[in-house]
Amino acid sequence: MATQIRRTRSESRILAAASDLFYEHGLRGVGIDQVIATSGISKSTLYAHFRSKDDLVAAYLRATDDSWMRQLQDSAAAAGDDPAAQLVGLFDALLDAFDRHGFFGCPFISAAVESGIDSQARAITREHVQRRQAWLAGLCAAAGAPDPDRLASHVGFLIDGALAGGRLQQDRSVVDAAKRAAADAVDSIPRS
């Protein structure tokens, strides 16, 4: 049992260090030696958990997908029970991320830009976008949108644009503008 706990703690330390480094410096900007130094583990311990940097990147992106979806869903739920309000409220997750970290942008956009078309990182990025869009389409349908997929696509573009624009401009107002645009789009849903 003690070996399993130590193994889990080491893996958590590696992922925490890698996550911070990858988010701030990008996938290509971080070497395994930096992850080892930051996490305080040995090279053999890192490779006992992750056979390659690609495996470490994949684990980072999967953990980020779970965390980011939870943050979006929690922000949506905090806006109340109305799905229309939730579509706007989910942008508070972006505002919280900006306030917490400064703005290093979207880890999935960064991974897509830095990874090969057929890479594991690109596949996980596509899965993340599909998962997010399916959730958004469900919210849009619940809000009464006549074309939920179209509105979900619009909201998804606003999220991605706010994350990319926030990274470029380092200005929180980019996210505020995306949230207002989402509110305008949601306000255009015909009410019965």
C-alpha atoms as a PDB file:
ATOM      1  CA  MET A   1       0.000   0.000   0.000  1.00  0.00           C
ATOM      2  CA  ALA A   2       2.799   2.464   0.852  1.00  0.00           C
ATOM      3  CA  THR A   3       4.354   1.897  -2.586  1.00  0.00           C
ATOM      4  CA  GLN A   4       1.045   2.753  -4.271  1.00  0.00           C
ATOM      5  CA  ILE A   5       0.664   5.969  -2.233  1.00  0.00           C
ATOM      6  CA  ARG A   6       4.250   6.998  -3.034  1.00  0.00           C
ATOM      7  CA  ARG A   7       3.641   6.169  -6.725  1.00  0.00           C
ATOM      8  CA  THR A   8       0.443   8.245  -6.771  1.00  0.00           C
ATOM      9  CA  ARG A   9       2.131  11.186  -5.030  1.00  0.00           C
ATOM     10  CA  SER A  10       5.044  11.091  -7.480  1.00  0.00           C
ATOM     11  CA  GLU A  11       2.694  11.001 -10.439  1.00  0.00           C
ATOM     12  CA  SER A  12       0.683  13.901  -9.008  1.00  0.00           C
ATOM     13  CA  ARG A  13       3.864  15.943  -8.459  1.00  0.00           C
ATOM     14  CA  ILE A  14       5.041  15.251 -11.992  1.00  0.00           C
ATOM     15  CA  LEU A  15       1.669  16.211 -13.498  1.00  0.00           C
ATOM     16  CA  ALA A  16       1.384  19.347 -11.364  1.00  0.00           C
ATOM     17  CA  ALA A  17       4.849  20.524 -12.393  1.00  0.00           C
ATOM     18  CA  ALA A  18       4.297  19.630 -16.046  1.00  0.00           C
ATOM     19  CA  SER A  19       0.897  21.340 -16.087  1.00  0.00           C
ATOM     20  CA  ASP A  20       2.273  24.623 -14.793  1.00  0.00           C
ATOM     21  CA  LEU A  21       5.235  24.504 -17.152  1.00  0.00           C
ATOM     22  CA  PHE A  22       3.265  23.461 -20.251  1.00  0.00           C
ATOM     23  CA  TYR A  23       0.578  26.071 -19.585  1.00  0.00           C
ATOM     24  CA  GLU A  24       3.064  28.905 -19.185  1.00  0.00           C
ATOM     25  CA  HIS A  25       5.710  27.919 -21.754  1.00  0.00           C
ATOM     26  CA  GLY A  26       3.917  25.629 -24.218  1.00  0.00           C
ATOM     27  CA  LEU A  27       4.590  22.005 -25.035  1.00  0.00           C
ATOM     28  CA  ARG A  28       7.690  22.643 -27.101  1.00  0.00           C
ATOM     29  CA  GLY A  29       9.081  25.179 -24.663  1.00  0.00           C
ATOM     30  CA  VAL A  30       9.413  22.638 -21.862  1.00  0.00           C
ATOM     31  CA  GLY A  31      11.924  19.832 -21.662  1.00  0.00           C
ATOM     32  CA  ILE A  32      11.791  16.726 -19.519  1.00  0.00           C
ATOM     33  CA  ASP A  33      14.715  18.025 -17.459  1.00  0.00           C
ATOM     34  CA  GLN A  34      12.643  21.085 -16.479  1.00  0.00           C
ATOM     35  CA  VAL A  35       9.775  18.860 -15.362  1.00  0.00           C
ATOM     36  CA  ILE A  36      12.193  16.737 -13.326  1.00  0.00           C
ATOM     37  CA  ALA A  37      13.775  19.787 -11.688  1.00  0.00           C
ATOM     38  CA  THR A  38      10.446  21.460 -10.933  1.00  0.00           C
ATOM     39  CA  SER A  39       8.779  18.328  -9.577  1.00  0.00           C
ATOM     40  CA  GLY A  40      11.807  17.289  -7.547  1.00  0.00           C
ATOM     41  CA  ILE A  41      11.698  13.685  -8.735  1.00  0.00           C
ATOM     42  CA  SER A  42      14.334  11.578 -10.453  1.00  0.00           C
ATOM     43  CA  LYS A  43      14.456  10.847 -14.159  1.00  0.00           C
ATOM     44  CA  SER A  44      13.821   7.150 -13.479  1.00  0.00           C
ATOM     45  CA  THR A  45      10.720   8.035 -11.436  1.00  0.00           C
ATOM     46  CA  LEU A  46       9.378  10.201 -14.251  1.00  0.00           C
ATOM     47  CA  TYR A  47       9.915   7.435 -16.806  1.00  0.00           C
ATOM     48  CA  ALA A  48       8.348   4.874 -14.452  1.00  0.00           C
ATOM     49  CA  HIS A  49       5.121   6.888 -14.726  1.00  0.00           C
ATOM     50  CA  PHE A  50       5.391   8.261 -18.269  1.00  0.00           C
ATOM     51  CA  ARG A  51       7.304   6.381 -20.972  1.00  0.00           C
ATOM     52  CA  SER A  52       7.831   9.520 -23.044  1.00  0.00           C
ATOM     53  CA  LYS A  53       7.183  13.237 -23.167  1.00  0.00           C
ATOM     54  CA  ASP A  54       4.241  12.461 -25.479  1.00  0.00           C
ATOM     55  CA  ASP A  55       2.685  10.296 -22.747  1.00  0.00           C
ATOM     56  CA  LEU A  56       3.224  13.093 -20.208  1.00  0.00           C
ATOM     57  CA  VAL A  57       1.652  15.627 -22.581  1.00  0.00           C
ATOM     58  CA  ALA A  58      -1.324  13.299 -23.114  1.00  0.00           C
ATOM     59  CA  ALA A  59      -1.848  12.913 -19.367  1.00  0.00           C
ATOM     60  CA  TYR A  60      -1.599  16.691 -18.924  1.00  0.00           C
ATOM     61  CA  LEU A  61      -4.180  17.338 -21.656  1.00  0.00           C
ATOM     62  CA  ARG A  62      -6.602  14.712 -20.302  1.00  0.00           C
ATOM     63  CA  ALA A  63      -6.349  16.164 -16.795  1.00  0.00           C
ATOM     64  CA  THR A  64      -6.779  19.669 -18.211  1.00  0.00           C
ATOM     65  CA  ASP A  65      -9.845  18.549 -20.177  1.00  0.00           C
ATOM     66  CA  ASP A  66     -11.476  17.214 -17.010  1.00  0.00           C
ATOM     67  CA  SER A  67     -10.533  20.284 -14.981  1.00  0.00           C
ATOM     68  CA  TRP A  68     -11.572  22.817 -17.623  1.00  0.00           C
ATOM     69  CA  MET A  69     -14.914  21.138 -18.317  1.00  0.00           C
ATOM     70  CA  ARG A  70     -15.611  21.072 -14.573  1.00  0.00           C
ATOM     71  CA  GLN A  71     -14.769  24.796 -14.315  1.00  0.00           C
ATOM     72  CA  LEU A  72     -17.053  25.665 -17.250  1.00  0.00           C
ATOM     73  CA  GLN A  73     -19.874  23.532 -15.861  1.00  0.00           C
ATOM     74  CA  ASP A  74     -19.479  24.930 -12.333  1.00  0.00           C
ATOM     75  CA  SER A  75     -19.587  28.505 -13.648  1.00  0.00           C
ATOM     76  CA  ALA A  76     -22.652  27.676 -15.724  1.00  0.00           C
ATOM     77  CA  ALA A  77     -24.385  26.096 -12.721  1.00  0.00           C
ATOM     78  CA  ALA A  78     -23.541  29.113 -10.551  1.00  0.00           C
ATOM     79  CA  ALA A  79     -25.582  31.261 -12.961  1.00  0.00           C
ATOM     80  CA  GLY A  80     -28.752  29.457 -11.856  1.00  0.00           C
ATOM     81  CA  ASP A  81     -31.144  26.915 -13.287  1.00  0.00           C
ATOM     82  CA  ASP A  82     -31.966  28.738 -16.530  1.00  0.00           C
ATOM     83  CA  PRO A  83     -29.944  27.208 -19.399  1.00  0.00           C
ATOM     84  CA  ALA A  84     -29.863  30.593 -21.184  1.00  0.00           C
ATOM     85  CA  ALA A  85     -28.262  32.189 -18.122  1.00  0.00           C
ATOM     86  CA  GLN A  86     -25.855  29.256 -17.877  1.00  0.00           C
ATOM     87  CA  LEU A  87     -24.649  29.869 -21.453  1.00  0.00           C
ATOM     88  CA  VAL A  88     -23.589  33.342 -20.384  1.00  0.00           C
ATOM     89  CA  GLY A  89     -22.467  32.364 -16.888  1.00  0.00           C
ATOM     90  CA  LEU A  90     -19.956  29.825 -18.171  1.00  0.00           C
ATOM     91  CA  PHE A  91     -17.764  32.752 -19.288  1.00  0.00           C
ATOM     92  CA  ASP A  92     -17.084  33.433 -15.614  1.00  0.00           C
ATOM     93  CA  ALA A  93     -14.741  30.413 -15.761  1.00  0.00           C
ATOM     94  CA  LEU A  94     -12.633  32.328 -18.282  1.00  0.00           C
ATOM     95  CA  LEU A  95     -12.686  35.441 -16.104  1.00  0.00           C
ATOM     96  CA  ASP A  96     -11.670  33.366 -13.066  1.00  0.00           C
ATOM     97  CA  ALA A  97      -8.823  31.783 -15.046  1.00  0.00           C
ATOM     98  CA  PHE A  98      -7.619  35.209 -16.139  1.00  0.00           C
ATOM     99  CA  ASP A  99      -7.740  36.563 -12.596  1.00  0.00           C
ATOM    100  CA  ARG A 100      -6.020  33.485 -11.157  1.00  0.00           C
ATOM    101  CA  HIS A 101      -3.157  33.009 -13.610  1.00  0.00           C
ATOM    102  CA  GLY A 102      -2.803  36.027 -15.797  1.00  0.00           C
ATOM    103  CA  PHE A 103      -3.502  34.817 -19.270  1.00  0.00           C
ATOM    104  CA  PHE A 104      -1.521  32.132 -21.005  1.00  0.00           C
ATOM    105  CA  GLY A 105      -4.445  31.265 -23.266  1.00  0.00           C
ATOM    106  CA  CYS A 106      -6.039  27.943 -23.998  1.00  0.00           C
ATOM    107  CA  PRO A 107      -3.888  24.865 -23.454  1.00  0.00           C
ATOM    108  CA  PHE A 108      -5.814  23.071 -26.199  1.00  0.00           C
ATOM    109  CA  ILE A 109      -5.271  25.794 -28.785  1.00  0.00           C
ATOM    110  CA  SER A 110      -1.593  25.828 -27.832  1.00  0.00           C
ATOM    111  CA  ALA A 111      -1.364  22.035 -28.080  1.00  0.00           C
ATOM    112  CA  ALA A 112      -3.079  22.033 -31.475  1.00  0.00           C
ATOM    113  CA  VAL A 113      -0.654  24.629 -32.796  1.00  0.00           C
ATOM    114  CA  GLU A 114       2.424  22.892 -31.400  1.00  0.00           C
ATOM    115  CA  SER A 115       1.537  19.284 -32.270  1.00  0.00           C
ATOM    116  CA  GLY A 116       1.558  17.303 -35.459  1.00  0.00           C
ATOM    117  CA  ILE A 117      -1.720  16.577 -37.223  1.00  0.00           C
ATOM    118  CA  ASP A 118      -1.577  12.864 -36.351  1.00  0.00           C
ATOM    119  CA  SER A 119      -0.254  13.284 -32.811  1.00  0.00           C
ATOM    120  CA  GLN A 120      -1.859  12.020 -29.643  1.00  0.00           C
ATOM    121  CA  ALA A 121      -1.982  15.607 -28.347  1.00  0.00           C
ATOM    122  CA  ARG A 122      -3.968  16.753 -31.393  1.00  0.00           C
ATOM    123  CA  ALA A 123      -6.402  13.826 -30.972  1.00  0.00           C
ATOM    124  CA  ILE A 124      -7.001  14.705 -27.313  1.00  0.00           C
ATOM    125  CA  THR A 125      -7.522  18.339 -28.301  1.00  0.00           C
ATOM    126  CA  ARG A 126     -10.175  17.330 -30.837  1.00  0.00           C
ATOM    127  CA  GLU A 127     -11.864  15.127 -28.224  1.00  0.00           C
ATOM    128  CA  HIS A 128     -11.933  18.066 -25.813  1.00  0.00           C
ATOM    129  CA  VAL A 129     -13.566  20.349 -28.376  1.00  0.00           C
ATOM    130  CA  GLN A 130     -16.130  17.681 -29.293  1.00  0.00           C
ATOM    131  CA  ARG A 131     -16.943  17.095 -25.614  1.00  0.00           C
ATOM    132  CA  ARG A 132     -17.290  20.816 -24.950  1.00  0.00           C
ATOM    133  CA  GLN A 133     -19.423  21.373 -28.046  1.00  0.00           C
ATOM    134  CA  ALA A 134     -21.753  18.485 -27.180  1.00  0.00           C
ATOM    135  CA  TRP A 135     -22.272  19.985 -23.731  1.00  0.00           C
ATOM    136  CA  LEU A 136     -22.857  23.457 -25.208  1.00  0.00           C
ATOM    137  CA  ALA A 137     -25.345  22.055 -27.741  1.00  0.00           C
ATOM    138  CA  GLY A 138     -27.261  20.437 -24.887  1.00  0.00           C
ATOM    139  CA  LEU A 139     -27.413  23.763 -23.043  1.00  0.00           C
ATOM    140  CA  CYS A 140     -28.494  25.533 -26.225  1.00  0.00           C
ATOM    141  CA  ALA A 141     -31.260  22.992 -26.815  1.00  0.00           C
ATOM    142  CA  ALA A 142     -32.421  23.331 -23.198  1.00  0.00           C
ATOM    143  CA  ALA A 143     -32.450  27.121 -23.650  1.00  0.00           C
ATOM    144  CA  GLY A 144     -34.825  26.708 -26.601  1.00  0.00           C
ATOM    145  CA  ALA A 145     -32.450  27.604 -29.438  1.00  0.00           C
ATOM    146  CA  PRO A 146     -34.065  26.698 -32.768  1.00  0.00           C
ATOM    147  CA  ASP A 147     -30.686  25.481 -34.051  1.00  0.00           C
ATOM    148  CA  PRO A 148     -28.742  24.351 -30.949  1.00  0.00           C
ATOM    149  CA  ASP A 149     -25.665  23.203 -32.870  1.00  0.00           C
ATOM    150  CA  ARG A 150     -25.354  26.571 -34.602  1.00  0.00           C
ATOM    151  CA  LEU A 151     -25.627  28.523 -31.354  1.00  0.00           C
ATOM    152  CA  ALA A 152     -23.229  26.084 -29.645  1.00  0.00           C
ATOM    153  CA  SER A 153     -20.751  26.665 -32.458  1.00  0.00           C
ATOM    154  CA  HIS A 154     -21.103  30.429 -31.974  1.00  0.00           C
ATOM    155  CA  VAL A 155     -20.544  30.157 -28.210  1.00  0.00           C
ATOM    156  CA  GLY A 156     -17.579  27.828 -28.791  1.00  0.00           C
ATOM    157  CA  PHE A 157     -16.010  30.380 -31.137  1.00  0.00           C
ATOM    158  CA  LEU A 158     -16.516  33.065 -28.499  1.00  0.00           C
ATOM    159  CA  ILE A 159     -14.772  30.901 -25.885  1.00  0.00           C
ATOM    160  CA  ASP A 160     -11.853  30.115 -28.193  1.00  0.00           C
ATOM    161  CA  GLY A 161     -11.606  33.711 -29.372  1.00  0.00           C
ATOM    162  CA  ALA A 162     -11.624  35.039 -25.811  1.00  0.00           C
ATOM    163  CA  LEU A 163      -8.887  32.612 -24.791  1.00  0.00           C
ATOM    164  CA  ALA A 164      -6.723  33.402 -27.831  1.00  0.00           C
ATOM    165  CA  GLY A 165      -7.407  37.145 -27.686  1.00  0.00           C
ATOM    166  CA  GLY A 166      -6.779  37.234 -23.948  1.00  0.00           C
ATOM    167  CA  ARG A 167      -3.394  35.614 -24.521  1.00  0.00           C
ATOM    168  CA  LEU A 168      -2.464  38.063 -27.257  1.00  0.00           C
ATOM    169  CA  GLN A 169      -3.668  41.225 -25.549  1.00  0.00           C
ATOM    170  CA  GLN A 170      -3.266  40.262 -21.888  1.00  0.00           C
ATOM    171  CA  ASP A 171      -6.461  42.187 -21.275  1.00  0.00           C
ATOM    172  CA  ARG A 172      -9.418  40.909 -19.259  1.00  0.00           C
ATOM    173  CA  SER A 173     -11.792  43.061 -21.299  1.00  0.00           C
ATOM    174  CA  VAL A 174     -11.475  40.562 -24.170  1.00  0.00           C
ATOM    175  CA  VAL A 175     -13.288  37.994 -22.035  1.00  0.00           C
ATOM    176  CA  ASP A 176     -15.840  40.583 -20.901  1.00  0.00           C
ATOM    177  CA  ALA A 177     -16.579  41.355 -24.570  1.00  0.00           C
ATOM    178  CA  ALA A 178     -16.985  37.643 -25.386  1.00  0.00           C
ATOM    179  CA  LYS A 179     -19.397  37.270 -22.458  1.00  0.00           C
ATOM    180  CA  ARG A 180     -21.456  40.234 -23.711  1.00  0.00           C
ATOM    181  CA  ALA A 181     -21.522  38.734 -27.229  1.00  0.00           C
ATOM    182  CA  ALA A 182     -22.728  35.437 -25.760  1.00  0.00           C
ATOM    183  CA  ALA A 183     -25.464  37.306 -23.873  1.00  0.00           C
ATOM    184  CA  ASP A 184     -26.539  38.998 -27.125  1.00  0.00           C
ATOM    185  CA  ALA A 185     -26.664  35.636 -28.922  1.00  0.00           C
ATOM    186  CA  VAL A 186     -28.660  34.059 -26.102  1.00  0.00           C
ATOM    187  CA  ASP A 187     -31.034  37.048 -25.992  1.00  0.00           C
ATOM    188  CA  SER A 188     -31.837  36.406 -29.659  1.00  0.00           C
ATOM    189  CA  ILE A 189     -33.345  32.989 -28.840  1.00  0.00           C
ATOM    190  CA  PRO A 190     -37.083  33.251 -29.522  1.00  0.00           C
ATOM    191  CA  ARG A 191     -39.080  33.021 -26.315  1.00  0.00           C
ATOM    192  CA  SER A 192     -42.289  31.070 -26.400  1.00  0.00           C
END
